[in-house]
Amino acid sequence: MTQNHDRDELWQFPCEICFKVMAVNRDGIDMEVAEVVNRHAPNDYSPASKLSRDGNYVSLSFMVVVENKEQVDAMYREVFTVEGVKMTL
């Protein structure tokens, strides 16, 4: 049996999350994504990054402290405005 859970029940705000972004590997994409993350959860970010096997894509990971679900939702929405972002986790 599968149970659906509301994020508010699973997360206790404020909390730290790992915000991951998968994107096309191009110069400056890490800084562009960091700018978006910083607008929603201000900090001095230096994301962990990992290239795909062929180097065409990059995974960026940020440890972010969030205060509420609206902040999380806004960050996820805005990061897709960065050219080359393909997926978030």
Protein backbone atom coordinates (compact mmCIF):
# COMPACT_ATOMS: atom_id res chain seq x y z
CA MET A 1 0.00 0.00 0.00
CA THR A 2 1.38 3.40 -1.00
CA GLN A 3 0.91 6.37 1.26
CA ASN A 4 0.97 9.97 0.08
CA HIS A 5 2.53 12.40 2.50
CA ASP A 6 2.33 16.15 2.56
CA ARG A 7 5.75 17.85 2.63
CA ASP A 8 4.67 19.81 5.68
CA GLU A 9 4.29 16.55 7.56
CA LEU A 10 7.67 15.22 6.39
CA TRP A 11 9.75 18.38 6.71
CA GLN A 12 10.13 20.38 9.86
CA PHE A 13 11.01 23.93 8.91
CA PRO A 14 13.54 25.42 9.05
CA CYS A 15 15.59 22.56 7.63
CA GLU A 16 18.61 21.86 5.48
CA ILE A 17 18.04 20.23 2.10
CA CYS A 18 20.31 19.11 -0.71
CA PHE A 19 19.13 21.04 -3.76
CA LYS A 20 20.37 19.29 -6.92
CA VAL A 21 20.29 20.62 -10.45
CA MET A 22 21.15 18.74 -13.63
CA ALA A 23 22.07 20.97 -16.55
CA VAL A 24 23.90 21.21 -19.84
CA ASN A 25 27.61 21.67 -19.11
CA ARG A 26 28.52 25.17 -20.22
CA ASP A 27 30.73 27.94 -18.89
CA GLY A 28 29.11 29.86 -16.06
CA ILE A 29 26.08 27.65 -15.48
CA ASP A 30 27.22 26.89 -11.93
CA MET A 31 27.33 30.60 -11.09
CA GLU A 32 23.97 31.31 -12.75
CA VAL A 33 22.28 28.54 -10.76
CA ALA A 34 24.07 29.70 -7.57
CA GLU A 35 22.67 33.22 -8.11
CA VAL A 36 19.12 31.84 -8.23
CA VAL A 37 19.66 29.70 -5.14
CA ASN A 38 21.21 32.67 -3.33
CA ARG A 39 18.17 34.86 -4.08
CA HIS A 40 15.93 32.35 -2.29
CA ALA A 41 18.28 31.15 0.45
CA PRO A 42 21.06 33.71 0.88
CA ASN A 43 24.49 32.23 1.61
CA ASP A 44 27.96 32.01 0.09
CA TYR A 45 27.44 28.96 -2.12
CA SER A 46 30.11 26.85 -3.71
CA PRO A 47 28.21 23.95 -5.22
CA ALA A 48 29.59 20.45 -5.50
CA SER A 49 29.65 19.48 -9.15
CA LYS A 50 29.99 16.28 -11.09
CA LEU A 51 30.29 15.92 -14.86
CA SER A 52 28.48 13.26 -16.82
CA ARG A 53 30.55 10.48 -18.38
CA ASP A 54 30.84 12.32 -21.71
CA GLY A 55 31.07 15.78 -20.12
CA ASN A 56 27.90 17.06 -21.77
CA TYR A 57 25.97 17.54 -18.52
CA VAL A 58 26.80 18.63 -15.00
CA SER A 59 25.13 17.89 -11.67
CA LEU A 60 25.25 20.75 -9.14
CA SER A 61 24.50 20.15 -5.45
CA PHE A 62 23.79 22.87 -2.89
CA MET A 63 23.16 22.39 0.83
CA VAL A 64 20.45 24.97 1.51
CA VAL A 65 18.64 26.00 4.69
CA VAL A 66 14.99 26.69 3.91
CA GLU A 67 12.36 28.30 6.10
CA ASN A 68 9.11 27.18 4.48
CA LYS A 69 7.62 25.31 1.53
CA GLU A 70 6.90 28.50 -0.43
CA GLN A 71 10.62 29.30 -0.40
CA VAL A 72 11.42 25.80 -1.67
CA ASP A 73 8.78 25.96 -4.41
CA ALA A 74 9.94 29.40 -5.59
CA MET A 75 13.56 28.24 -5.79
CA TYR A 76 12.64 25.16 -7.82
CA ARG A 77 10.50 27.24 -10.20
CA GLU A 78 13.06 29.97 -10.78
CA VAL A 79 16.02 27.66 -11.37
CA PHE A 80 14.27 26.46 -14.54
CA THR A 81 14.64 29.97 -15.97
CA VAL A 82 18.41 29.35 -16.24
CA GLU A 83 19.24 28.29 -19.79
CA GLY A 84 20.33 24.66 -19.91
CA VAL A 85 18.74 23.44 -16.68
CA LYS A 86 17.13 20.08 -17.42
CA MET A 87 16.07 18.63 -14.06
CA THR A 88 16.02 19.28 -10.32
CA LEU A 89 15.91 16.97 -7.33
